[in-house]
């Protein structure tokens, strides 16, 4: 995860390993510097990407609009931009040790 300075606040980039088509949505935990996320949505037409953004926003206590896909649209390894939270905030909220 890297922090990118922004004019309207901080933007942190969060690396995510996505497992689409899971039995239920949830955050599985950290795999090195990536967050493993499971979503029940299929990897079709951006459905899984939208489900991951929604799940991350809920977990971080921010709006869905503050979590955007930055790269990896068709890959299981993605980078999401998280607006308004620092890397430390994200780590604290997601209980990274």
PDB file of N, CA and C in Angstrom:
ATOM      1  N   UNK A   1       0.858  -1.160   0.000  1.00  0.00           N
ATOM      2  CA  UNK A   1       0.000   0.000   0.000  1.00  0.00           C
ATOM      3  C   UNK A   1       0.904   1.223   0.000  1.00  0.00           C
ATOM      4  N   UNK A   2       0.601   2.183  -0.828  1.00  0.00           N
ATOM      5  CA  UNK A   2       1.378   3.406  -0.868  1.00  0.00           C
ATOM      6  C   UNK A   2       0.456   4.592  -0.741  1.00  0.00           C
ATOM      7  N   UNK A   3       0.994   5.654  -0.198  1.00  0.00           N
ATOM      8  CA  UNK A   3       0.209   6.865  -0.009  1.00  0.00           C
ATOM      9  C   UNK A   3       0.558   7.854  -1.110  1.00  0.00           C
ATOM     10  N   UNK A   4      -0.463   8.395  -1.741  1.00  0.00           N
ATOM     11  CA  UNK A   4      -0.281   9.366  -2.800  1.00  0.00           C
ATOM     12  C   UNK A   4      -0.870  10.677  -2.328  1.00  0.00           C
ATOM     13  N   UNK A   5      -0.056  11.749  -2.249  1.00  0.00           N
ATOM     14  CA  UNK A   5      -0.613  13.023  -1.793  1.00  0.00           C
ATOM     15  C   UNK A   5      -1.613  13.577  -2.796  1.00  0.00           C
ATOM     16  N   UNK A   6      -2.682  14.113  -2.299  1.00  0.00           N
ATOM     17  CA  UNK A   6      -3.711  14.696  -3.163  1.00  0.00           C
ATOM     18  C   UNK A   6      -4.039  16.102  -2.708  1.00  0.00           C
ATOM     19  N   UNK A   7      -4.640  16.874  -3.578  1.00  0.00           N
ATOM     20  CA  UNK A   7      -4.966  18.244  -3.230  1.00  0.00           C
ATOM     21  C   UNK A   7      -6.168  18.323  -2.308  1.00  0.00           C
ATOM     22  N   UNK A   8      -7.087  17.388  -2.427  1.00  0.00           N
ATOM     23  CA  UNK A   8      -8.299  17.425  -1.612  1.00  0.00           C
ATOM     24  C   UNK A   8      -8.225  16.433  -0.450  1.00  0.00           C
ATOM     25  N   UNK A   9      -7.046  15.970  -0.125  1.00  0.00           N
ATOM     26  CA  UNK A   9      -6.890  14.993   0.949  1.00  0.00           C
ATOM     27  C   UNK A   9      -6.028  13.847   0.480  1.00  0.00           C
ATOM     28  N   UNK A  10      -5.763  12.952   1.364  1.00  0.00           N
ATOM     29  CA  UNK A  10      -4.875  11.847   1.007  1.00  0.00           C
ATOM     30  C   UNK A  10      -5.607  10.760   0.224  1.00  0.00           C
ATOM     31  N   UNK A  11      -4.835  10.071  -0.599  1.00  0.00           N
ATOM     32  CA  UNK A  11      -5.324   8.912  -1.329  1.00  0.00           C
ATOM     33  C   UNK A  11      -4.322   7.802  -1.085  1.00  0.00           C
ATOM     34  N   UNK A  12      -4.786   6.697  -0.552  1.00  0.00           N
ATOM     35  CA  UNK A  12      -3.920   5.547  -0.318  1.00  0.00           C
ATOM     36  C   UNK A  12      -4.287   4.467  -1.319  1.00  0.00           C
ATOM     37  N   UNK A  13      -3.294   3.732  -1.751  1.00  0.00           N
ATOM     38  CA  UNK A  13      -3.525   2.638  -2.694  1.00  0.00           C
ATOM     39  C   UNK A  13      -3.442   1.332  -1.921  1.00  0.00           C
ATOM     40  N   UNK A  14      -4.475   0.544  -2.050  1.00  0.00           N
ATOM     41  CA  UNK A  14      -4.599  -0.705  -1.311  1.00  0.00           C
ATOM     42  C   UNK A  14      -4.548  -1.874  -2.289  1.00  0.00           C
ATOM     43  N   UNK A  15      -3.553  -2.750  -2.129  1.00  0.00           N
ATOM     44  CA  UNK A  15      -3.437  -3.942  -2.966  1.00  0.00           C
ATOM     45  C   UNK A  15      -4.398  -5.002  -2.438  1.00  0.00           C
ATOM     46  N   UNK A  16      -5.151  -5.600  -3.355  1.00  0.00           N
ATOM     47  CA  UNK A  16      -6.179  -6.565  -2.981  1.00  0.00           C
ATOM     48  C   UNK A  16      -6.083  -7.804  -3.863  1.00  0.00           C
ATOM     49  N   UNK A  17      -6.183  -8.962  -3.257  1.00  0.00           N
ATOM     50  CA  UNK A  17      -6.301 -10.244  -3.962  1.00  0.00           C
ATOM     51  C   UNK A  17      -7.765 -10.638  -3.851  1.00  0.00           C
ATOM     52  N   UNK A  18      -8.454 -10.708  -5.002  1.00  0.00           N
ATOM     53  CA  UNK A  18      -9.895 -10.949  -5.015  1.00  0.00           C
ATOM     54  C   UNK A  18     -10.195 -12.404  -5.366  1.00  0.00           C
ATOM     55  N   UNK A  19     -11.107 -12.991  -4.596  1.00  0.00           N
ATOM     56  CA  UNK A  19     -11.613 -14.337  -4.885  1.00  0.00           C
ATOM     57  C   UNK A  19     -13.102 -14.180  -5.195  1.00  0.00           C
ATOM     58  N   UNK A  20     -13.446 -14.115  -6.508  1.00  0.00           N
ATOM     59  CA  UNK A  20     -14.859 -13.965  -6.879  1.00  0.00           C
ATOM     60  C   UNK A  20     -15.584 -15.306  -6.818  1.00  0.00           C
ATOM     61  N   UNK A  21     -16.904 -15.250  -6.762  1.00  0.00           N
ATOM     62  CA  UNK A  21     -17.708 -16.469  -6.760  1.00  0.00           C
ATOM     63  C   UNK A  21     -17.633 -17.245  -5.455  1.00  0.00           C
ATOM     64  N   UNK A  22     -17.254 -16.592  -4.369  1.00  0.00           N
ATOM     65  CA  UNK A  22     -17.170 -17.251  -3.063  1.00  0.00           C
ATOM     66  C   UNK A  22     -18.570 -17.491  -2.503  1.00  0.00           C
ATOM     67  N   UNK A  23     -18.666 -18.318  -1.488  1.00  0.00           N
ATOM     68  CA  UNK A  23     -19.967 -18.608  -0.898  1.00  0.00           C
ATOM     69  C   UNK A  23     -20.534 -17.416  -0.134  1.00  0.00           C
ATOM     70  N   UNK A  24     -19.652 -16.554   0.377  1.00  0.00           N
ATOM     71  CA  UNK A  24     -20.110 -15.340   1.053  1.00  0.00           C
ATOM     72  C   UNK A  24     -19.059 -14.249   0.958  1.00  0.00           C
ATOM     73  N   UNK A  25     -19.488 -13.007   1.117  1.00  0.00           N
ATOM     74  CA  UNK A  25     -18.580 -11.866   1.056  1.00  0.00           C
ATOM     75  C   UNK A  25     -17.838 -11.721   2.377  1.00  0.00           C
ATOM     76  N   UNK A  26     -16.570 -11.329   2.295  1.00  0.00           N
ATOM     77  CA  UNK A  26     -15.822 -11.078   3.518  1.00  0.00           C
ATOM     78  C   UNK A  26     -14.352 -10.812   3.264  1.00  0.00           C
ATOM     79  N   UNK A  27     -13.717 -10.228   4.251  1.00  0.00           N
ATOM     80  CA  UNK A  27     -12.284  -9.977   4.201  1.00  0.00           C
ATOM     81  C   UNK A  27     -11.602 -11.139   4.896  1.00  0.00           C
ATOM     82  N   UNK A  28     -10.747 -11.844   4.159  1.00  0.00           N
ATOM     83  CA  UNK A  28     -10.093 -13.042   4.686  1.00  0.00           C
ATOM     84  C   UNK A  28      -8.854 -12.706   5.502  1.00  0.00           C
ATOM     85  N   UNK A  29      -8.240 -11.562   5.240  1.00  0.00           N
ATOM     86  CA  UNK A  29      -7.048 -11.172   5.995  1.00  0.00           C
ATOM     87  C   UNK A  29      -5.927 -10.744   5.072  1.00  0.00           C
ATOM     88  N   UNK A  30      -4.779 -10.503   5.671  1.00  0.00           N
ATOM     89  CA  UNK A  30      -3.624 -10.010   4.933  1.00  0.00           C
ATOM     90  C   UNK A  30      -2.768 -11.158   4.431  1.00  0.00           C
ATOM     91  N   UNK A  31      -2.315 -11.039   3.189  1.00  0.00           N
ATOM     92  CA  UNK A  31      -1.347 -11.954   2.583  1.00  0.00           C
ATOM     93  C   UNK A  31      -0.153 -11.086   2.204  1.00  0.00           C
ATOM     94  N   UNK A  32       0.783 -10.951   3.105  1.00  0.00           N
ATOM     95  CA  UNK A  32       1.893 -10.029   2.871  1.00  0.00           C
ATOM     96  C   UNK A  32       1.373  -8.611   2.839  1.00  0.00           C
ATOM     97  N   UNK A  33       1.571  -7.929   1.700  1.00  0.00           N
ATOM     98  CA  UNK A  33       1.095  -6.547   1.593  1.00  0.00           C
ATOM     99  C   UNK A  33      -0.240  -6.445   0.852  1.00  0.00           C
ATOM    100  N   UNK A  34      -0.898  -7.589   0.594  1.00  0.00           N
ATOM    101  CA  UNK A  34      -2.196  -7.606  -0.077  1.00  0.00           C
ATOM    102  C   UNK A  34      -3.296  -8.029   0.892  1.00  0.00           C
ATOM    103  N   UNK A  35      -4.464  -7.449   0.709  1.00  0.00           N
ATOM    104  CA  UNK A  35      -5.633  -7.829   1.489  1.00  0.00           C
ATOM    105  C   UNK A  35      -6.427  -8.835   0.672  1.00  0.00           C
ATOM    106  N   UNK A  36      -6.703 -10.004   1.223  1.00  0.00           N
ATOM    107  CA  UNK A  36      -7.484 -11.013   0.512  1.00  0.00           C
ATOM    108  C   UNK A  36      -8.964 -10.787   0.814  1.00  0.00           C
ATOM    109  N   UNK A  37      -9.737 -10.650  -0.264  1.00  0.00           N
ATOM    110  CA  UNK A  37     -11.162 -10.356  -0.148  1.00  0.00           C
ATOM    111  C   UNK A  37     -11.939 -11.380  -0.963  1.00  0.00           C
ATOM    112  N   UNK A  38     -12.978 -11.934  -0.357  1.00  0.00           N
ATOM    113  CA  UNK A  38     -13.856 -12.883  -1.039  1.00  0.00           C
ATOM    114  C   UNK A  38     -15.202 -12.217  -1.292  1.00  0.00           C
ATOM    115  N   UNK A  39     -15.701 -12.376  -2.517  1.00  0.00           N
ATOM    116  CA  UNK A  39     -17.034 -11.849  -2.846  1.00  0.00           C
ATOM    117  C   UNK A  39     -17.821 -12.913  -3.592  1.00  0.00           C
ATOM    118  N   UNK A  40     -19.116 -12.926  -3.376  1.00  0.00           N
ATOM    119  CA  UNK A  40     -19.967 -13.906  -4.038  1.00  0.00           C
ATOM    120  C   UNK A  40     -20.273 -13.527  -5.483  1.00  0.00           C
ATOM    121  N   UNK A  41     -20.065 -12.275  -5.838  1.00  0.00           N
ATOM    122  CA  UNK A  41     -20.340 -11.811  -7.200  1.00  0.00           C
ATOM    123  C   UNK A  41     -19.408 -12.503  -8.196  1.00  0.00           C
ATOM    124  N   UNK A  42     -19.927 -12.781  -9.388  1.00  0.00           N
ATOM    125  CA  UNK A  42     -19.092 -13.420 -10.408  1.00  0.00           C
ATOM    126  C   UNK A  42     -18.139 -12.407 -11.044  1.00  0.00           C
ATOM    127  N   UNK A  43     -17.043 -12.901 -11.628  1.00  0.00           N
ATOM    128  CA  UNK A  43     -16.087 -11.995 -12.280  1.00  0.00           C
ATOM    129  C   UNK A  43     -16.548 -11.625 -13.697  1.00  0.00           C
ATOM    130  N   UNK A  44     -17.731 -11.094 -13.801  1.00  0.00           N
ATOM    131  CA  UNK A  44     -18.319 -10.746 -15.093  1.00  0.00           C
ATOM    132  C   UNK A  44     -18.812  -9.315 -15.083  1.00  0.00           C
ATOM    133  N   UNK A  45     -18.481  -8.576 -16.142  1.00  0.00           N
ATOM    134  CA  UNK A  45     -18.986  -7.218 -16.335  1.00  0.00           C
ATOM    135  C   UNK A  45     -18.731  -6.303 -15.139  1.00  0.00           C
ATOM    136  N   UNK A  46     -17.618  -6.517 -14.435  1.00  0.00           N
ATOM    137  CA  UNK A  46     -17.252  -5.648 -13.317  1.00  0.00           C
ATOM    138  C   UNK A  46     -18.023  -5.889 -12.035  1.00  0.00           C
ATOM    139  N   UNK A  47     -18.831  -6.934 -11.991  1.00  0.00           N
ATOM    140  CA  UNK A  47     -19.647  -7.185 -10.789  1.00  0.00           C
ATOM    141  C   UNK A  47     -18.794  -7.450  -9.560  1.00  0.00           C
ATOM    142  N   UNK A  48     -17.770  -8.265  -9.706  1.00  0.00           N
ATOM    143  CA  UNK A  48     -16.909  -8.569  -8.558  1.00  0.00           C
ATOM    144  C   UNK A  48     -16.160  -7.315  -8.107  1.00  0.00           C
ATOM    145  N   UNK A  49     -15.691  -6.510  -9.054  1.00  0.00           N
ATOM    146  CA  UNK A  49     -14.984  -5.272  -8.704  1.00  0.00           C
ATOM    147  C   UNK A  49     -15.885  -4.336  -7.900  1.00  0.00           C
ATOM    148  N   UNK A  50     -17.120  -4.194  -8.328  1.00  0.00           N
ATOM    149  CA  UNK A  50     -18.069  -3.341  -7.606  1.00  0.00           C
ATOM    150  C   UNK A  50     -18.354  -3.897  -6.215  1.00  0.00           C
ATOM    151  N   UNK A  51     -18.467  -5.215  -6.113  1.00  0.00           N
ATOM    152  CA  UNK A  51     -18.727  -5.837  -4.815  1.00  0.00           C
ATOM    153  C   UNK A  51     -17.545  -5.630  -3.868  1.00  0.00           C
ATOM    154  N   UNK A  52     -16.328  -5.707  -4.392  1.00  0.00           N
ATOM    155  CA  UNK A  52     -15.142  -5.488  -3.556  1.00  0.00           C
ATOM    156  C   UNK A  52     -15.109  -4.044  -3.073  1.00  0.00           C
ATOM    157  N   UNK A  53     -15.352  -3.092  -3.963  1.00  0.00           N
ATOM    158  CA  UNK A  53     -15.352  -1.678  -3.572  1.00  0.00           C
ATOM    159  C   UNK A  53     -16.398  -1.415  -2.487  1.00  0.00           C
ATOM    160  N   UNK A  54     -17.567  -2.005  -2.654  1.00  0.00           N
ATOM    161  CA  UNK A  54     -18.644  -1.835  -1.664  1.00  0.00           C
ATOM    162  C   UNK A  54     -18.237  -2.434  -0.314  1.00  0.00           C
ATOM    163  N   UNK A  55     -17.637  -3.628  -0.339  1.00  0.00           N
ATOM    164  CA  UNK A  55     -17.203  -4.305   0.884  1.00  0.00           C
ATOM    165  C   UNK A  55     -16.099  -3.514   1.586  1.00  0.00           C
ATOM    166  N   UNK A  56     -15.129  -3.032   0.821  1.00  0.00           N
ATOM    167  CA  UNK A  56     -14.046  -2.241   1.411  1.00  0.00           C
ATOM    168  C   UNK A  56     -14.582  -0.953   2.031  1.00  0.00           C
ATOM    169  N   UNK A  57     -15.488  -0.286   1.329  1.00  0.00           N
ATOM    170  CA  UNK A  57     -16.062   0.956   1.847  1.00  0.00           C
ATOM    171  C   UNK A  57     -16.771   0.710   3.175  1.00  0.00           C
ATOM    172  N   UNK A  58     -17.560  -0.359   3.237  1.00  0.00           N
ATOM    173  CA  UNK A  58     -18.266  -0.679   4.493  1.00  0.00           C
ATOM    174  C   UNK A  58     -17.275  -0.964   5.615  1.00  0.00           C
ATOM    175  N   UNK A  59     -16.264  -1.761   5.308  1.00  0.00           N
ATOM    176  CA  UNK A  59     -15.280  -2.141   6.330  1.00  0.00           C
ATOM    177  C   UNK A  59     -14.488  -0.927   6.824  1.00  0.00           C
ATOM    178  N   UNK A  60     -14.243   0.029   5.939  1.00  0.00           N
ATOM    179  CA  UNK A  60     -13.449   1.204   6.296  1.00  0.00           C
ATOM    180  C   UNK A  60     -14.300   2.353   6.828  1.00  0.00           C
ATOM    181  N   UNK A  61     -15.624   2.216   6.759  1.00  0.00           N
ATOM    182  CA  UNK A  61     -16.516   3.255   7.279  1.00  0.00           C
ATOM    183  C   UNK A  61     -16.546   4.505   6.411  1.00  0.00           C
ATOM    184  N   UNK A  62     -16.389   4.321   5.095  1.00  0.00           N
ATOM    185  CA  UNK A  62     -16.437   5.440   4.164  1.00  0.00           C
ATOM    186  C   UNK A  62     -17.477   5.133   3.090  1.00  0.00           C
ATOM    187  N   UNK A  63     -17.744   6.106   2.231  1.00  0.00           N
ATOM    188  CA  UNK A  63     -18.735   5.895   1.178  1.00  0.00           C
ATOM    189  C   UNK A  63     -18.137   5.090   0.024  1.00  0.00           C
ATOM    190  N   UNK A  64     -18.993   4.465  -0.746  1.00  0.00           N
ATOM    191  CA  UNK A  64     -18.540   3.677  -1.895  1.00  0.00           C
ATOM    192  C   UNK A  64     -17.776   4.531  -2.891  1.00  0.00           C
ATOM    193  N   UNK A  65     -18.135   5.783  -3.006  1.00  0.00           N
ATOM    194  CA  UNK A  65     -17.454   6.689  -3.932  1.00  0.00           C
ATOM    195  C   UNK A  65     -16.022   6.988  -3.538  1.00  0.00           C
ATOM    196  N   UNK A  66     -15.670   6.722  -2.307  1.00  0.00           N
ATOM    197  CA  UNK A  66     -14.303   6.981  -1.835  1.00  0.00           C
ATOM    198  C   UNK A  66     -13.373   5.792  -2.050  1.00  0.00           C
ATOM    199  N   UNK A  67     -13.890   4.707  -2.624  1.00  0.00           N
ATOM    200  CA  UNK A  67     -13.084   3.531  -2.961  1.00  0.00           C
ATOM    201  C   UNK A  67     -13.252   3.290  -4.454  1.00  0.00           C
ATOM    202  N   UNK A  68     -12.164   3.431  -5.203  1.00  0.00           N
ATOM    203  CA  UNK A  68     -12.236   3.259  -6.648  1.00  0.00           C
ATOM    204  C   UNK A  68     -11.161   2.296  -7.127  1.00  0.00           C
ATOM    205  N   UNK A  69     -11.472   1.566  -8.164  1.00  0.00           N
ATOM    206  CA  UNK A  69     -10.519   0.639  -8.753  1.00  0.00           C
ATOM    207  C   UNK A  69      -9.474   1.445  -9.511  1.00  0.00           C
ATOM    208  N   UNK A  70      -8.205   1.276  -9.146  1.00  0.00           N
ATOM    209  CA  UNK A  70      -7.120   2.009  -9.796  1.00  0.00           C
ATOM    210  C   UNK A  70      -6.456   1.181 -10.887  1.00  0.00           C
ATOM    211  N   UNK A  71      -6.344  -0.129 -10.671  1.00  0.00           N
ATOM    212  CA  UNK A  71      -5.753  -1.000 -11.691  1.00  0.00           C
ATOM    213  C   UNK A  71      -6.139  -2.446 -11.422  1.00  0.00           C
ATOM    214  N   UNK A  72      -5.999  -3.282 -12.461  1.00  0.00           N
ATOM    215  CA  UNK A  72      -6.273  -4.705 -12.316  1.00  0.00           C
ATOM    216  C   UNK A  72      -7.696  -5.103 -12.590  1.00  0.00           C
ATOM    217  N   UNK A  73      -8.371  -4.386 -13.458  1.00  0.00           N
ATOM    218  CA  UNK A  73      -9.787  -4.638 -13.728  1.00  0.00           C
ATOM    219  C   UNK A  73     -10.136  -6.076 -14.072  1.00  0.00           C
ATOM    220  N   UNK A  74      -9.262  -6.777 -14.784  1.00  0.00           N
ATOM    221  CA  UNK A  74      -9.556  -8.156 -15.186  1.00  0.00           C
ATOM    222  C   UNK A  74      -8.652  -9.171 -14.497  1.00  0.00           C
ATOM    223  N   UNK A  75      -7.938  -8.732 -13.512  1.00  0.00           N
ATOM    224  CA  UNK A  75      -7.002  -9.597 -12.793  1.00  0.00           C
ATOM    225  C   UNK A  75      -7.507  -9.851 -11.377  1.00  0.00           C
ATOM    226  N   UNK A  76      -7.160 -10.986 -10.773  1.00  0.00           N
ATOM    227  CA  UNK A  76      -7.529 -11.187  -9.373  1.00  0.00           C
ATOM    228  C   UNK A  76      -6.727 -10.282  -8.431  1.00  0.00           C
ATOM    229  N   UNK A  77      -5.588  -9.792  -8.905  1.00  0.00           N
ATOM    230  CA  UNK A  77      -4.774  -8.861  -8.112  1.00  0.00           C
ATOM    231  C   UNK A  77      -5.061  -7.446  -8.586  1.00  0.00           C
ATOM    232  N   UNK A  78      -5.605  -6.654  -7.684  1.00  0.00           N
ATOM    233  CA  UNK A  78      -6.071  -5.314  -8.023  1.00  0.00           C
ATOM    234  C   UNK A  78      -5.475  -4.280  -7.077  1.00  0.00           C
ATOM    235  N   UNK A  79      -5.583  -3.036  -7.484  1.00  0.00           N
ATOM    236  CA  UNK A  79      -5.216  -1.927  -6.621  1.00  0.00           C
ATOM    237  C   UNK A  79      -6.419  -1.001  -6.552  1.00  0.00           C
ATOM    238  N   UNK A  80      -6.866  -0.720  -5.328  1.00  0.00           N
ATOM    239  CA  UNK A  80      -7.967   0.207  -5.109  1.00  0.00           C
ATOM    240  C   UNK A  80      -7.426   1.487  -4.500  1.00  0.00           C
ATOM    241  N   UNK A  81      -7.930   2.622  -4.974  1.00  0.00           N
ATOM    242  CA  UNK A  81      -7.597   3.918  -4.397  1.00  0.00           C
ATOM    243  C   UNK A  81      -8.614   4.198  -3.295  1.00  0.00           C
ATOM    244  N   UNK A  82      -8.105   4.516  -2.115  1.00  0.00           N
ATOM    245  CA  UNK A  82      -8.964   4.823  -0.966  1.00  0.00           C
ATOM    246  C   UNK A  82      -8.760   6.296  -0.637  1.00  0.00           C
ATOM    247  N   UNK A  83      -9.799   7.084  -0.853  1.00  0.00           N
ATOM    248  CA  UNK A  83      -9.724   8.532  -0.675  1.00  0.00           C
ATOM    249  C   UNK A  83     -10.053   8.922   0.769  1.00  0.00           C
ATOM    250  N   UNK A  84      -9.235   9.799   1.318  1.00  0.00           N
ATOM    251  CA  UNK A  84      -9.523  10.363   2.632  1.00  0.00           C
ATOM    252  C   UNK A  84      -8.971   9.605   3.819  1.00  0.00           C
ATOM    253  N   UNK A  85      -8.319   8.471   3.593  1.00  0.00           N
ATOM    254  CA  UNK A  85      -7.732   7.711   4.692  1.00  0.00           C
ATOM    255  C   UNK A  85      -6.251   7.483   4.422  1.00  0.00           C
ATOM    256  N   UNK A  86      -5.461   7.589   5.457  1.00  0.00           N
ATOM    257  CA  UNK A  86      -4.036   7.314   5.324  1.00  0.00           C
ATOM    258  C   UNK A  86      -3.790   5.807   5.414  1.00  0.00           C
ATOM    259  N   UNK A  87      -2.599   5.410   5.061  1.00  0.00           N
ATOM    260  CA  UNK A  87      -2.222   4.004   5.181  1.00  0.00           C
ATOM    261  C   UNK A  87      -2.348   3.539   6.634  1.00  0.00           C
ATOM    262  N   UNK A  88      -1.948   4.379   7.572  1.00  0.00           N
ATOM    263  CA  UNK A  88      -2.069   4.035   8.996  1.00  0.00           C
ATOM    264  C   UNK A  88      -3.524   3.852   9.407  1.00  0.00           C
ATOM    265  N   UNK A  89      -4.401   4.719   8.909  1.00  0.00           N
ATOM    266  CA  UNK A  89      -5.834   4.596   9.212  1.00  0.00           C
ATOM    267  C   UNK A  89      -6.369   3.259   8.710  1.00  0.00           C
ATOM    268  N   UNK A  90      -6.023   2.919   7.471  1.00  0.00           N
ATOM    269  CA  UNK A  90      -6.495   1.658   6.873  1.00  0.00           C
ATOM    270  C   UNK A  90      -5.982   0.463   7.663  1.00  0.00           C
ATOM    271  N   UNK A  91      -4.703   0.476   8.000  1.00  0.00           N
ATOM    272  CA  UNK A  91      -4.134  -0.622   8.765  1.00  0.00           C
ATOM    273  C   UNK A  91      -4.789  -0.769  10.131  1.00  0.00           C
ATOM    274  N   UNK A  92      -5.057   0.351  10.776  1.00  0.00           N
ATOM    275  CA  UNK A  92      -5.701   0.320  12.099  1.00  0.00           C
ATOM    276  C   UNK A  92      -7.114  -0.224  11.992  1.00  0.00           C
ATOM    277  N   UNK A  93      -7.884   0.274  11.009  1.00  0.00           N
ATOM    278  CA  UNK A  93      -9.277  -0.162  10.862  1.00  0.00           C
ATOM    279  C   UNK A  93      -9.353  -1.638  10.509  1.00  0.00           C
ATOM    280  N   UNK A  94      -8.466  -2.083   9.643  1.00  0.00           N
ATOM    281  CA  UNK A  94      -8.490  -3.492   9.227  1.00  0.00           C
ATOM    282  C   UNK A  94      -7.622  -4.377  10.110  1.00  0.00           C
ATOM    283  N   UNK A  95      -7.168  -3.821  11.231  1.00  0.00           N
ATOM    284  CA  UNK A  95      -6.420  -4.560  12.259  1.00  0.00           C
ATOM    285  C   UNK A  95      -5.206  -5.296  11.717  1.00  0.00           C
ATOM    286  N   UNK A  96      -4.405  -4.569  10.958  1.00  0.00           N
ATOM    287  CA  UNK A  96      -3.167  -5.164  10.457  1.00  0.00           C
ATOM    288  C   UNK A  96      -2.107  -5.064  11.528  1.00  0.00           C
ATOM    289  N   UNK A  97      -1.443  -6.147  11.737  1.00  0.00           N
ATOM    290  CA  UNK A  97      -0.392  -6.165  12.768  1.00  0.00           C
ATOM    291  C   UNK A  97       0.960  -6.245  12.126  1.00  0.00           C
TER     292      UNK A  97
END
